[in-house]
Amino acid sequence: MLIQPWDAALDDAEWQTWIADGHDFGILSVNGLPGHAPTVVPTHFTVDGTALLVHLARPNPVWKAIETDPNVTFSVTATTPSSPDPGAPSPTSRPPTGVPTSYYAAVQFTCRATIVDEPEAKAGLLRRQMAHFQPDGDHAPIDPDQPPYGRMLPGIRGLRLDVTDVRAKFKYDDHKPVEQRTDTARRLTERGTALDAPTAAQQLRRLDRVGTWKS
C-alpha cells in the first residue's frame, strides 16, 4: 500500500495499541500457487509476541498455497464512510467547495507461516486464542485427549505467522491545516453515523501528536 509521509505510523506503539484495541480480524493473503490468483482468507487472529496465531478448517484451500510458499501477508483495516465536505462553511451551505475523502487505519504484516498440526501444539494455540477472545473462560478444557476438543481438533489446522515486517498507515489528513482537521472531527462527531465518532477520535489523537505537519 502507498504510505504518504504524513500517513505513516508515528512509532511502533501507535499501531500496536491500535491492534490491541479490538482490531483482531483481518485478511490472510497467500501467493503460493503459480498461475493462480492469491488465496485470500478472512479470519480472526491473536497476537503472540512477534507472531500472529490463526486456526482454520482443514478443508480450507489455503493450505496447499502455504505449503508451496509460506511467505504471506496479513492485513488489518478499519475505515469509515466519506468525511463531511471540509470546504463548506456550514452543513447547510451550498454549493460545497471542498472534496470529501475517507479516513482509515491499516496495518500490514509480512509473515513467514508455519502450519501447526501436532495435537498438543494445536491445543496450546487454541488456549492462547481463547484467552484473548473469551478471557472469562466459559468453555470446556482444551485437551486433545478429552471431549469435546479431542474429537474436534483433527478438523482444524493451526497457523503461526512469524512477523518479519510491519507497514502501518493512519490516513487522517495530517498534512492539512490544524483548523481544517479540527473542523472535520467536529463535523464527524455531529453527523454521528456509522464509525464517525471513533474516526473523529482517531483524527484528534493524531492531530494532538502531529500538530502542524512538517515535512
N, C-alpha and C. Protein backbone atom coordinates (compact mmCIF):
# COMPACT_ATOMS: atom_id res chain seq x y z
N MET A 1 0.84 -1.19 0.00
CA MET A 1 0.00 0.00 0.00
C MET A 1 0.87 1.24 0.00
N LEU A 2 0.35 2.30 -0.58
CA LEU A 2 1.04 3.58 -0.58
C LEU A 2 0.90 4.22 0.80
N ILE A 3 2.03 4.65 1.37
CA ILE A 3 2.01 5.36 2.65
C ILE A 3 2.70 6.70 2.45
N GLN A 4 1.91 7.76 2.41
CA GLN A 4 2.49 9.09 2.35
C GLN A 4 3.20 9.39 3.67
N PRO A 5 4.20 10.26 3.65
CA PRO A 5 4.93 10.54 4.91
C PRO A 5 4.03 10.95 6.06
N TRP A 6 2.97 11.73 5.77
CA TRP A 6 2.09 12.20 6.84
C TRP A 6 1.09 11.14 7.30
N ASP A 7 1.01 10.03 6.57
CA ASP A 7 0.11 8.94 6.95
C ASP A 7 0.82 7.84 7.74
N ALA A 8 2.13 7.89 7.83
CA ALA A 8 2.89 6.82 8.46
C ALA A 8 2.63 6.77 9.96
N ALA A 9 2.76 5.57 10.53
CA ALA A 9 2.67 5.44 11.98
C ALA A 9 3.76 6.28 12.63
N LEU A 10 3.44 6.93 13.74
CA LEU A 10 4.39 7.80 14.41
C LEU A 10 5.44 7.01 15.16
N ASP A 11 5.09 5.79 15.55
CA ASP A 11 6.03 4.88 16.20
C ASP A 11 5.36 3.50 16.25
N ASP A 12 6.12 2.50 16.67
CA ASP A 12 5.55 1.15 16.76
C ASP A 12 4.41 1.07 17.76
N ALA A 13 4.50 1.84 18.83
CA ALA A 13 3.46 1.79 19.86
C ALA A 13 2.11 2.20 19.30
N GLU A 14 2.10 3.08 18.29
CA GLU A 14 0.82 3.53 17.74
C GLU A 14 0.05 2.38 17.10
N TRP A 15 0.71 1.64 16.20
CA TRP A 15 -0.02 0.55 15.56
C TRP A 15 -0.24 -0.62 16.52
N GLN A 16 0.68 -0.84 17.45
CA GLN A 16 0.48 -1.92 18.42
C GLN A 16 -0.72 -1.64 19.31
N THR A 17 -0.88 -0.39 19.74
CA THR A 17 -2.04 -0.02 20.55
C THR A 17 -3.32 -0.15 19.75
N TRP A 18 -3.27 0.25 18.48
CA TRP A 18 -4.44 0.15 17.61
C TRP A 18 -4.87 -1.31 17.43
N ILE A 19 -3.92 -2.19 17.21
CA ILE A 19 -4.24 -3.63 17.08
C ILE A 19 -4.84 -4.15 18.38
N ALA A 20 -4.23 -3.79 19.51
CA ALA A 20 -4.69 -4.28 20.81
C ALA A 20 -6.07 -3.74 21.18
N ASP A 21 -6.48 -2.65 20.55
CA ASP A 21 -7.75 -2.02 20.88
C ASP A 21 -8.90 -2.65 20.09
N GLY A 22 -8.91 -3.97 20.02
CA GLY A 22 -10.04 -4.69 19.43
C GLY A 22 -9.96 -4.93 17.94
N HIS A 23 -8.83 -4.63 17.29
CA HIS A 23 -8.69 -4.90 15.86
C HIS A 23 -8.01 -6.25 15.69
N ASP A 24 -8.80 -7.30 15.78
CA ASP A 24 -8.28 -8.66 15.79
C ASP A 24 -8.92 -9.53 14.72
N PHE A 25 -9.30 -8.90 13.61
CA PHE A 25 -9.84 -9.63 12.46
C PHE A 25 -9.19 -9.06 11.21
N GLY A 26 -8.70 -9.94 10.34
CA GLY A 26 -8.00 -9.45 9.16
C GLY A 26 -8.11 -10.39 7.99
N ILE A 27 -7.26 -10.12 6.99
CA ILE A 27 -7.26 -10.87 5.74
C ILE A 27 -5.88 -11.49 5.53
N LEU A 28 -5.85 -12.81 5.40
CA LEU A 28 -4.64 -13.55 5.09
C LEU A 28 -4.54 -13.72 3.58
N SER A 29 -3.41 -13.30 3.00
CA SER A 29 -3.21 -13.41 1.55
C SER A 29 -1.97 -14.26 1.28
N VAL A 30 -2.16 -15.28 0.41
CA VAL A 30 -1.08 -16.23 0.12
C VAL A 30 -0.93 -16.36 -1.39
N ASN A 31 0.31 -16.27 -1.87
CA ASN A 31 0.58 -16.30 -3.32
C ASN A 31 1.00 -17.67 -3.83
N GLY A 32 0.92 -18.70 -3.03
CA GLY A 32 1.64 -19.94 -3.27
C GLY A 32 1.47 -20.69 -4.56
N LEU A 33 0.36 -20.56 -5.26
CA LEU A 33 0.11 -21.42 -6.41
C LEU A 33 0.40 -20.68 -7.71
N PRO A 34 1.44 -21.08 -8.45
CA PRO A 34 1.79 -20.40 -9.70
C PRO A 34 0.63 -20.44 -10.70
N GLY A 35 0.41 -19.30 -11.35
CA GLY A 35 -0.64 -19.23 -12.35
C GLY A 35 -2.02 -19.01 -11.78
N HIS A 36 -2.14 -18.88 -10.47
CA HIS A 36 -3.42 -18.65 -9.83
C HIS A 36 -3.42 -17.30 -9.11
N ALA A 37 -4.60 -16.75 -8.96
CA ALA A 37 -4.72 -15.54 -8.14
C ALA A 37 -4.40 -15.88 -6.70
N PRO A 38 -3.99 -14.88 -5.90
CA PRO A 38 -3.71 -15.15 -4.48
C PRO A 38 -4.91 -15.76 -3.78
N THR A 39 -4.63 -16.65 -2.83
CA THR A 39 -5.67 -17.19 -1.97
C THR A 39 -5.86 -16.21 -0.81
N VAL A 40 -7.11 -15.79 -0.57
CA VAL A 40 -7.41 -14.76 0.41
C VAL A 40 -8.41 -15.31 1.42
N VAL A 41 -8.08 -15.21 2.71
CA VAL A 41 -8.91 -15.80 3.76
C VAL A 41 -9.19 -14.77 4.86
N PRO A 42 -10.46 -14.45 5.12
CA PRO A 42 -10.79 -13.60 6.28
C PRO A 42 -10.77 -14.44 7.56
N THR A 43 -10.17 -13.91 8.60
CA THR A 43 -10.08 -14.70 9.83
C THR A 43 -9.74 -13.83 11.04
N HIS A 44 -10.14 -14.30 12.22
CA HIS A 44 -9.66 -13.71 13.46
C HIS A 44 -8.21 -14.14 13.70
N PHE A 45 -7.52 -13.38 14.52
CA PHE A 45 -6.14 -13.72 14.87
C PHE A 45 -5.85 -13.26 16.28
N THR A 46 -4.81 -13.82 16.85
CA THR A 46 -4.33 -13.44 18.19
C THR A 46 -2.86 -13.10 18.09
N VAL A 47 -2.44 -12.05 18.76
CA VAL A 47 -1.03 -11.68 18.79
C VAL A 47 -0.33 -12.50 19.87
N ASP A 48 0.81 -13.09 19.51
CA ASP A 48 1.61 -13.87 20.45
C ASP A 48 3.06 -13.41 20.31
N GLY A 49 3.42 -12.37 21.04
CA GLY A 49 4.77 -11.83 20.91
C GLY A 49 4.97 -11.22 19.53
N THR A 50 5.89 -11.78 18.77
CA THR A 50 6.16 -11.29 17.42
C THR A 50 5.50 -12.17 16.35
N ALA A 51 4.47 -12.89 16.74
CA ALA A 51 3.76 -13.76 15.81
C ALA A 51 2.25 -13.54 15.92
N LEU A 52 1.55 -13.92 14.87
CA LEU A 52 0.09 -13.94 14.85
C LEU A 52 -0.35 -15.40 14.84
N LEU A 53 -1.37 -15.72 15.62
CA LEU A 53 -1.90 -17.08 15.69
C LEU A 53 -3.26 -17.15 15.04
N VAL A 54 -3.44 -18.16 14.19
CA VAL A 54 -4.68 -18.36 13.43
C VAL A 54 -5.01 -19.83 13.45
N HIS A 55 -6.29 -20.17 13.41
CA HIS A 55 -6.67 -21.55 13.11
C HIS A 55 -7.77 -21.53 12.05
N LEU A 56 -7.71 -22.52 11.15
CA LEU A 56 -8.65 -22.60 10.03
C LEU A 56 -9.07 -24.04 9.83
N ALA A 57 -10.20 -24.23 9.19
CA ALA A 57 -10.70 -25.58 8.92
C ALA A 57 -9.73 -26.33 8.00
N ARG A 58 -9.60 -27.61 8.25
CA ARG A 58 -8.69 -28.43 7.44
C ARG A 58 -9.03 -28.40 5.95
N PRO A 59 -10.32 -28.34 5.54
CA PRO A 59 -10.61 -28.31 4.09
C PRO A 59 -10.30 -26.96 3.42
N ASN A 60 -9.86 -25.96 4.18
CA ASN A 60 -9.61 -24.65 3.60
C ASN A 60 -8.58 -24.76 2.47
N PRO A 61 -8.83 -24.13 1.33
CA PRO A 61 -7.89 -24.25 0.20
C PRO A 61 -6.57 -23.54 0.41
N VAL A 62 -6.43 -22.79 1.51
CA VAL A 62 -5.20 -22.02 1.71
C VAL A 62 -3.98 -22.89 2.01
N TRP A 63 -4.21 -24.11 2.52
CA TRP A 63 -3.08 -24.91 3.00
C TRP A 63 -2.11 -25.26 1.88
N LYS A 64 -2.62 -25.63 0.72
CA LYS A 64 -1.75 -26.01 -0.39
C LYS A 64 -0.90 -24.82 -0.81
N ALA A 65 -1.51 -23.64 -0.81
CA ALA A 65 -0.77 -22.44 -1.19
C ALA A 65 0.34 -22.15 -0.19
N ILE A 66 0.06 -22.30 1.11
CA ILE A 66 1.07 -22.04 2.14
C ILE A 66 2.20 -23.06 2.05
N GLU A 67 1.85 -24.30 1.79
CA GLU A 67 2.88 -25.33 1.68
C GLU A 67 3.80 -25.05 0.49
N THR A 68 3.26 -24.41 -0.55
CA THR A 68 4.07 -24.07 -1.72
C THR A 68 4.95 -22.86 -1.44
N ASP A 69 4.39 -21.86 -0.75
CA ASP A 69 5.15 -20.65 -0.41
C ASP A 69 4.66 -20.11 0.92
N PRO A 70 5.44 -20.24 1.98
CA PRO A 70 4.99 -19.82 3.32
C PRO A 70 5.12 -18.31 3.58
N ASN A 71 5.57 -17.54 2.60
CA ASN A 71 5.67 -16.10 2.76
C ASN A 71 4.31 -15.47 2.47
N VAL A 72 3.71 -14.85 3.48
CA VAL A 72 2.32 -14.40 3.38
C VAL A 72 2.20 -12.96 3.87
N THR A 73 1.06 -12.36 3.56
CA THR A 73 0.71 -11.03 4.08
C THR A 73 -0.58 -11.15 4.87
N PHE A 74 -0.61 -10.48 6.03
CA PHE A 74 -1.83 -10.41 6.83
C PHE A 74 -2.17 -8.94 7.00
N SER A 75 -3.39 -8.57 6.60
CA SER A 75 -3.79 -7.16 6.57
C SER A 75 -4.98 -6.93 7.49
N VAL A 76 -4.91 -5.84 8.28
CA VAL A 76 -5.98 -5.44 9.19
C VAL A 76 -6.34 -4.00 8.86
N THR A 77 -7.64 -3.74 8.66
CA THR A 77 -8.07 -2.41 8.22
C THR A 77 -9.34 -2.00 8.95
N ALA A 78 -9.45 -0.70 9.25
CA ALA A 78 -10.69 -0.13 9.78
C ALA A 78 -10.92 1.17 9.02
N THR A 79 -12.14 1.36 8.54
CA THR A 79 -12.45 2.52 7.71
C THR A 79 -13.73 3.18 8.17
N THR A 80 -14.09 4.27 7.50
CA THR A 80 -15.33 4.99 7.78
C THR A 80 -15.87 5.51 6.46
N PRO A 81 -17.17 5.84 6.38
CA PRO A 81 -17.69 6.45 5.16
C PRO A 81 -17.01 7.79 4.89
N SER A 82 -17.29 8.38 3.73
CA SER A 82 -16.67 9.66 3.37
C SER A 82 -16.88 10.69 4.47
N SER A 83 -15.83 11.49 4.70
CA SER A 83 -15.93 12.56 5.69
C SER A 83 -16.78 13.69 5.15
N PRO A 84 -17.32 14.54 6.03
CA PRO A 84 -18.08 15.70 5.57
C PRO A 84 -17.21 16.60 4.71
N ASP A 85 -17.85 17.30 3.79
CA ASP A 85 -17.17 18.22 2.90
C ASP A 85 -16.42 19.28 3.71
N PRO A 86 -15.07 19.26 3.68
CA PRO A 86 -14.33 20.19 4.53
C PRO A 86 -14.36 21.63 4.05
N GLY A 87 -14.84 21.86 2.83
CA GLY A 87 -14.83 23.21 2.32
C GLY A 87 -16.09 24.00 2.60
N ALA A 88 -17.13 23.33 3.06
CA ALA A 88 -18.40 24.01 3.28
C ALA A 88 -18.39 24.71 4.62
N PRO A 89 -18.70 26.00 4.69
CA PRO A 89 -18.69 26.72 5.97
C PRO A 89 -19.70 26.18 6.97
N SER A 90 -20.78 25.58 6.52
CA SER A 90 -21.76 25.02 7.43
C SER A 90 -22.45 23.86 6.74
N PRO A 91 -23.13 22.99 7.51
CA PRO A 91 -23.79 21.83 6.89
C PRO A 91 -24.86 22.22 5.87
N THR A 92 -25.38 23.46 5.95
CA THR A 92 -26.46 23.86 5.05
C THR A 92 -25.98 24.71 3.89
N SER A 93 -24.69 25.08 3.87
CA SER A 93 -24.22 25.94 2.78
C SER A 93 -24.08 25.15 1.49
N ARG A 94 -24.48 25.75 0.41
CA ARG A 94 -24.40 25.15 -0.91
C ARG A 94 -24.09 26.25 -1.92
N PRO A 95 -23.34 25.96 -2.98
CA PRO A 95 -22.76 24.64 -3.24
C PRO A 95 -21.51 24.39 -2.39
N PRO A 96 -21.19 23.13 -2.09
CA PRO A 96 -19.97 22.85 -1.34
C PRO A 96 -18.74 23.17 -2.18
N THR A 97 -17.66 23.51 -1.51
CA THR A 97 -16.45 23.89 -2.22
C THR A 97 -15.29 22.93 -1.98
N GLY A 98 -15.45 21.98 -1.09
CA GLY A 98 -14.38 21.05 -0.78
C GLY A 98 -14.60 19.70 -1.44
N VAL A 99 -13.66 18.79 -1.18
CA VAL A 99 -13.71 17.45 -1.76
C VAL A 99 -13.74 16.44 -0.61
N PRO A 100 -14.83 15.69 -0.43
CA PRO A 100 -14.86 14.68 0.63
C PRO A 100 -13.78 13.62 0.42
N THR A 101 -13.39 13.00 1.50
CA THR A 101 -12.40 11.93 1.42
C THR A 101 -12.79 10.86 2.43
N SER A 102 -12.04 9.81 2.49
CA SER A 102 -12.28 8.78 3.50
C SER A 102 -11.05 8.66 4.38
N TYR A 103 -11.28 8.27 5.63
CA TYR A 103 -10.20 8.07 6.58
C TYR A 103 -10.14 6.59 6.95
N TYR A 104 -8.93 6.11 7.21
CA TYR A 104 -8.82 4.72 7.63
C TYR A 104 -7.46 4.47 8.26
N ALA A 105 -7.41 3.38 8.99
CA ALA A 105 -6.15 2.86 9.52
C ALA A 105 -5.94 1.47 8.93
N ALA A 106 -4.70 1.15 8.64
CA ALA A 106 -4.39 -0.16 8.07
C ALA A 106 -3.01 -0.60 8.55
N VAL A 107 -2.92 -1.86 8.92
CA VAL A 107 -1.64 -2.45 9.31
C VAL A 107 -1.44 -3.71 8.49
N GLN A 108 -0.31 -3.80 7.80
CA GLN A 108 0.01 -4.98 7.00
C GLN A 108 1.24 -5.66 7.57
N PHE A 109 1.08 -6.94 7.88
CA PHE A 109 2.16 -7.76 8.41
C PHE A 109 2.70 -8.65 7.29
N THR A 110 4.00 -8.62 7.08
CA THR A 110 4.66 -9.62 6.25
C THR A 110 5.12 -10.73 7.18
N CYS A 111 4.77 -11.97 6.84
CA CYS A 111 4.99 -13.08 7.78
C CYS A 111 5.55 -14.31 7.09
N ARG A 112 6.16 -15.14 7.89
CA ARG A 112 6.57 -16.49 7.48
C ARG A 112 5.66 -17.47 8.21
N ALA A 113 4.90 -18.22 7.45
CA ALA A 113 3.87 -19.09 8.02
C ALA A 113 4.42 -20.48 8.35
N THR A 114 4.00 -20.96 9.51
CA THR A 114 4.29 -22.34 9.92
C THR A 114 2.98 -23.02 10.27
N ILE A 115 2.70 -24.15 9.63
CA ILE A 115 1.48 -24.90 9.90
C ILE A 115 1.66 -25.72 11.18
N VAL A 116 0.63 -25.67 12.03
CA VAL A 116 0.66 -26.38 13.31
C VAL A 116 -0.34 -27.53 13.25
N ASP A 117 0.17 -28.76 13.27
CA ASP A 117 -0.70 -29.93 13.15
C ASP A 117 -0.65 -30.85 14.37
N GLU A 118 0.44 -30.80 15.15
CA GLU A 118 0.56 -31.70 16.30
C GLU A 118 -0.54 -31.37 17.31
N PRO A 119 -1.28 -32.37 17.80
CA PRO A 119 -2.47 -32.11 18.62
C PRO A 119 -2.25 -31.20 19.82
N GLU A 120 -1.20 -31.44 20.62
CA GLU A 120 -0.99 -30.60 21.79
C GLU A 120 -0.60 -29.18 21.38
N ALA A 121 0.15 -29.04 20.30
CA ALA A 121 0.53 -27.71 19.82
C ALA A 121 -0.71 -26.95 19.35
N LYS A 122 -1.62 -27.66 18.68
CA LYS A 122 -2.87 -27.01 18.27
C LYS A 122 -3.70 -26.62 19.48
N ALA A 123 -3.74 -27.49 20.47
CA ALA A 123 -4.48 -27.17 21.69
C ALA A 123 -3.89 -25.94 22.37
N GLY A 124 -2.56 -25.85 22.42
CA GLY A 124 -1.92 -24.68 23.01
C GLY A 124 -2.25 -23.40 22.25
N LEU A 125 -2.29 -23.50 20.91
CA LEU A 125 -2.65 -22.34 20.10
C LEU A 125 -4.08 -21.90 20.41
N LEU A 126 -4.99 -22.86 20.51
CA LEU A 126 -6.38 -22.53 20.82
C LEU A 126 -6.51 -21.92 22.22
N ARG A 127 -5.73 -22.41 23.17
CA ARG A 127 -5.77 -21.83 24.52
C ARG A 127 -5.37 -20.37 24.48
N ARG A 128 -4.34 -20.05 23.69
CA ARG A 128 -3.92 -18.65 23.56
C ARG A 128 -5.04 -17.81 22.94
N GLN A 129 -5.71 -18.36 21.94
CA GLN A 129 -6.78 -17.60 21.30
C GLN A 129 -7.97 -17.44 22.23
N MET A 130 -8.31 -18.48 22.96
CA MET A 130 -9.43 -18.39 23.90
C MET A 130 -9.14 -17.37 25.01
N ALA A 131 -7.88 -17.31 25.45
CA ALA A 131 -7.52 -16.34 26.49
C ALA A 131 -7.74 -14.92 26.00
N HIS A 132 -7.63 -14.72 24.69
CA HIS A 132 -7.87 -13.39 24.13
C HIS A 132 -9.34 -13.14 23.86
N PHE A 133 -9.99 -14.07 23.16
CA PHE A 133 -11.36 -13.85 22.71
C PHE A 133 -12.41 -14.18 23.77
N GLN A 134 -12.07 -15.02 24.72
CA GLN A 134 -13.02 -15.40 25.77
C GLN A 134 -12.29 -15.48 27.10
N PRO A 135 -11.77 -14.35 27.59
CA PRO A 135 -10.91 -14.38 28.78
C PRO A 135 -11.61 -14.85 30.04
N ASP A 136 -12.94 -14.78 30.08
CA ASP A 136 -13.66 -15.24 31.27
C ASP A 136 -13.85 -16.75 31.31
N GLY A 137 -13.34 -17.43 30.31
CA GLY A 137 -13.49 -18.88 30.28
C GLY A 137 -14.82 -19.30 29.66
N ASP A 138 -15.63 -20.01 30.44
CA ASP A 138 -16.95 -20.47 29.97
C ASP A 138 -16.82 -21.37 28.75
N HIS A 139 -15.83 -22.25 28.79
CA HIS A 139 -15.70 -23.26 27.74
C HIS A 139 -15.01 -24.48 28.35
N ALA A 140 -15.17 -25.61 27.71
CA ALA A 140 -14.55 -26.84 28.20
C ALA A 140 -13.03 -26.74 28.13
N PRO A 141 -12.32 -27.49 28.95
CA PRO A 141 -10.86 -27.51 28.86
C PRO A 141 -10.43 -27.95 27.46
N ILE A 142 -9.41 -27.28 26.93
CA ILE A 142 -8.93 -27.60 25.58
C ILE A 142 -7.86 -28.67 25.73
N ASP A 143 -8.30 -29.90 25.68
CA ASP A 143 -7.43 -31.06 25.89
C ASP A 143 -7.57 -31.98 24.68
N PRO A 144 -6.50 -32.28 23.97
CA PRO A 144 -6.60 -33.13 22.78
C PRO A 144 -7.01 -34.56 23.08
N ASP A 145 -6.99 -34.95 24.35
CA ASP A 145 -7.35 -36.32 24.71
C ASP A 145 -8.72 -36.42 25.36
N GLN A 146 -9.42 -35.29 25.46
CA GLN A 146 -10.71 -35.29 26.14
C GLN A 146 -11.76 -34.60 25.25
N PRO A 147 -13.05 -35.03 25.37
CA PRO A 147 -14.10 -34.33 24.65
C PRO A 147 -14.35 -32.96 25.29
N PRO A 148 -14.88 -32.01 24.52
CA PRO A 148 -15.26 -32.13 23.11
C PRO A 148 -14.12 -31.82 22.14
N TYR A 149 -13.03 -31.20 22.65
CA TYR A 149 -11.98 -30.77 21.72
C TYR A 149 -11.20 -31.93 21.13
N GLY A 150 -11.11 -33.05 21.87
CA GLY A 150 -10.36 -34.18 21.35
C GLY A 150 -10.86 -34.66 20.00
N ARG A 151 -12.18 -34.63 19.81
CA ARG A 151 -12.73 -35.08 18.52
C ARG A 151 -12.79 -33.96 17.50
N MET A 152 -12.65 -32.69 17.94
CA MET A 152 -12.76 -31.56 17.03
C MET A 152 -11.42 -31.11 16.46
N LEU A 153 -10.35 -31.29 17.23
CA LEU A 153 -9.04 -30.80 16.80
C LEU A 153 -8.57 -31.35 15.45
N PRO A 154 -8.87 -32.62 15.12
CA PRO A 154 -8.43 -33.09 13.80
C PRO A 154 -9.06 -32.32 12.63
N GLY A 155 -10.15 -31.62 12.88
CA GLY A 155 -10.83 -30.90 11.81
C GLY A 155 -10.25 -29.53 11.52
N ILE A 156 -9.24 -29.12 12.29
CA ILE A 156 -8.62 -27.81 12.06
C ILE A 156 -7.11 -27.97 11.95
N ARG A 157 -6.48 -26.92 11.43
CA ARG A 157 -5.02 -26.82 11.46
C ARG A 157 -4.68 -25.44 12.02
N GLY A 158 -3.61 -25.39 12.80
CA GLY A 158 -3.17 -24.11 13.32
C GLY A 158 -2.18 -23.45 12.38
N LEU A 159 -1.99 -22.16 12.58
CA LEU A 159 -1.07 -21.41 11.73
C LEU A 159 -0.37 -20.37 12.59
N ARG A 160 0.95 -20.45 12.62
CA ARG A 160 1.75 -19.44 13.31
C ARG A 160 2.40 -18.56 12.25
N LEU A 161 2.12 -17.27 12.32
CA LEU A 161 2.66 -16.32 11.35
C LEU A 161 3.73 -15.47 12.05
N ASP A 162 4.98 -15.81 11.82
CA ASP A 162 6.08 -15.06 12.42
C ASP A 162 6.29 -13.78 11.61
N VAL A 163 6.13 -12.64 12.27
CA VAL A 163 6.15 -11.34 11.59
C VAL A 163 7.59 -10.94 11.26
N THR A 164 7.83 -10.64 9.98
CA THR A 164 9.15 -10.20 9.54
C THR A 164 9.18 -8.71 9.21
N ASP A 165 8.00 -8.11 8.97
CA ASP A 165 7.94 -6.68 8.66
C ASP A 165 6.53 -6.18 8.94
N VAL A 166 6.43 -4.91 9.32
CA VAL A 166 5.13 -4.29 9.59
C VAL A 166 5.09 -2.95 8.86
N ARG A 167 3.99 -2.71 8.13
CA ARG A 167 3.76 -1.42 7.49
C ARG A 167 2.41 -0.91 7.98
N ALA A 168 2.42 0.28 8.58
CA ALA A 168 1.20 0.82 9.18
C ALA A 168 0.88 2.17 8.58
N LYS A 169 -0.42 2.41 8.37
CA LYS A 169 -0.88 3.65 7.75
C LYS A 169 -2.08 4.19 8.53
N PHE A 170 -2.03 5.48 8.84
CA PHE A 170 -3.15 6.16 9.51
C PHE A 170 -3.50 7.38 8.66
N LYS A 171 -4.50 7.21 7.81
CA LYS A 171 -4.87 8.26 6.84
C LYS A 171 -5.94 9.17 7.45
N TYR A 172 -5.48 10.30 8.03
CA TYR A 172 -6.39 11.22 8.69
C TYR A 172 -6.08 12.68 8.34
N ASP A 173 -5.54 12.92 7.14
CA ASP A 173 -5.31 14.29 6.65
C ASP A 173 -4.33 15.07 7.52
N ASP A 174 -3.30 14.40 8.02
CA ASP A 174 -2.38 15.08 8.93
C ASP A 174 -1.57 16.19 8.27
N HIS A 175 -1.56 16.23 6.94
CA HIS A 175 -0.84 17.29 6.25
C HIS A 175 -1.70 18.54 6.03
N LYS A 176 -2.98 18.47 6.38
CA LYS A 176 -3.88 19.62 6.22
C LYS A 176 -3.76 20.55 7.43
N PRO A 177 -4.23 21.79 7.29
CA PRO A 177 -4.15 22.74 8.41
C PRO A 177 -4.87 22.22 9.66
N VAL A 178 -4.34 22.60 10.81
CA VAL A 178 -4.93 22.17 12.09
C VAL A 178 -6.39 22.56 12.18
N GLU A 179 -6.73 23.78 11.74
CA GLU A 179 -8.12 24.24 11.82
C GLU A 179 -9.05 23.36 11.01
N GLN A 180 -8.59 22.95 9.83
CA GLN A 180 -9.43 22.11 8.96
C GLN A 180 -9.64 20.74 9.58
N ARG A 181 -8.59 20.15 10.13
CA ARG A 181 -8.72 18.83 10.74
C ARG A 181 -9.62 18.89 11.97
N THR A 182 -9.48 19.94 12.75
CA THR A 182 -10.33 20.11 13.93
C THR A 182 -11.79 20.23 13.52
N ASP A 183 -12.05 21.00 12.46
CA ASP A 183 -13.42 21.20 12.00
C ASP A 183 -13.99 19.90 11.43
N THR A 184 -13.17 19.14 10.72
CA THR A 184 -13.65 17.86 10.17
C THR A 184 -14.02 16.90 11.30
N ALA A 185 -13.20 16.84 12.35
CA ALA A 185 -13.53 16.00 13.50
C ALA A 185 -14.84 16.44 14.14
N ARG A 186 -15.05 17.75 14.22
CA ARG A 186 -16.31 18.26 14.77
C ARG A 186 -17.49 17.82 13.90
N ARG A 187 -17.34 17.93 12.59
CA ARG A 187 -18.43 17.55 11.68
C ARG A 187 -18.73 16.05 11.76
N LEU A 188 -17.67 15.26 11.87
CA LEU A 188 -17.87 13.81 12.02
C LEU A 188 -18.64 13.52 13.31
N THR A 189 -18.26 14.17 14.40
CA THR A 189 -18.94 13.95 15.68
C THR A 189 -20.40 14.37 15.59
N GLU A 190 -20.66 15.49 14.95
CA GLU A 190 -22.04 15.96 14.82
C GLU A 190 -22.87 15.04 13.93
N ARG A 191 -22.26 14.54 12.86
CA ARG A 191 -23.00 13.66 11.96
C ARG A 191 -23.36 12.36 12.67
N GLY A 192 -22.40 11.76 13.35
CA GLY A 192 -22.66 10.64 14.26
C GLY A 192 -23.17 9.37 13.62
N THR A 193 -22.84 9.12 12.36
CA THR A 193 -23.27 7.88 11.72
C THR A 193 -22.13 6.88 11.69
N ALA A 194 -22.50 5.61 11.63
CA ALA A 194 -21.54 4.51 11.45
C ALA A 194 -20.34 4.68 12.38
N LEU A 195 -19.14 4.84 11.81
CA LEU A 195 -17.91 4.92 12.61
C LEU A 195 -17.41 6.34 12.76
N ASP A 196 -18.31 7.32 12.64
CA ASP A 196 -17.88 8.72 12.69
C ASP A 196 -17.20 9.09 14.01
N ALA A 197 -17.78 8.68 15.14
CA ALA A 197 -17.23 9.08 16.43
C ALA A 197 -15.81 8.52 16.65
N PRO A 198 -15.58 7.21 16.46
CA PRO A 198 -14.20 6.73 16.63
C PRO A 198 -13.23 7.30 15.61
N THR A 199 -13.73 7.61 14.40
CA THR A 199 -12.85 8.23 13.40
C THR A 199 -12.45 9.63 13.84
N ALA A 200 -13.41 10.40 14.36
CA ALA A 200 -13.09 11.73 14.87
C ALA A 200 -12.09 11.63 16.01
N ALA A 201 -12.25 10.64 16.88
CA ALA A 201 -11.32 10.47 18.00
C ALA A 201 -9.92 10.16 17.49
N GLN A 202 -9.83 9.31 16.47
CA GLN A 202 -8.52 9.00 15.89
C GLN A 202 -7.89 10.24 15.27
N GLN A 203 -8.69 11.03 14.56
CA GLN A 203 -8.14 12.22 13.93
C GLN A 203 -7.63 13.21 14.98
N LEU A 204 -8.40 13.39 16.05
CA LEU A 204 -7.98 14.31 17.11
C LEU A 204 -6.74 13.78 17.84
N ARG A 205 -6.67 12.47 18.00
CA ARG A 205 -5.48 11.87 18.64
C ARG A 205 -4.24 12.15 17.80
N ARG A 206 -4.36 11.93 16.48
CA ARG A 206 -3.22 12.19 15.59
C ARG A 206 -2.90 13.68 15.56
N LEU A 207 -3.93 14.51 15.53
CA LEU A 207 -3.72 15.95 15.50
C LEU A 207 -2.95 16.40 16.73
N ASP A 208 -3.31 15.83 17.88
CA ASP A 208 -2.65 16.21 19.13
C ASP A 208 -1.17 15.85 19.10
N ARG A 209 -0.84 14.74 18.46
CA ARG A 209 0.56 14.32 18.40
C ARG A 209 1.35 15.01 17.29
N VAL A 210 0.68 15.21 16.14
CA VAL A 210 1.38 15.74 14.98
C VAL A 210 1.39 17.26 14.97
N GLY A 211 0.24 17.87 15.37
CA GLY A 211 0.11 19.32 15.27
C GLY A 211 0.18 19.75 13.82
N THR A 212 0.90 20.79 13.52
CA THR A 212 1.11 21.23 12.15
C THR A 212 2.16 20.35 11.50
N TRP A 213 1.77 19.75 10.37
CA TRP A 213 2.68 18.81 9.70
C TRP A 213 3.91 19.54 9.18
N LYS A 214 5.08 18.97 9.47
CA LYS A 214 6.34 19.50 8.96
C LYS A 214 7.04 18.36 8.21
N SER A 215 7.32 18.58 6.95
CA SER A 215 7.92 17.52 6.12
C SER A 215 9.38 17.30 6.53
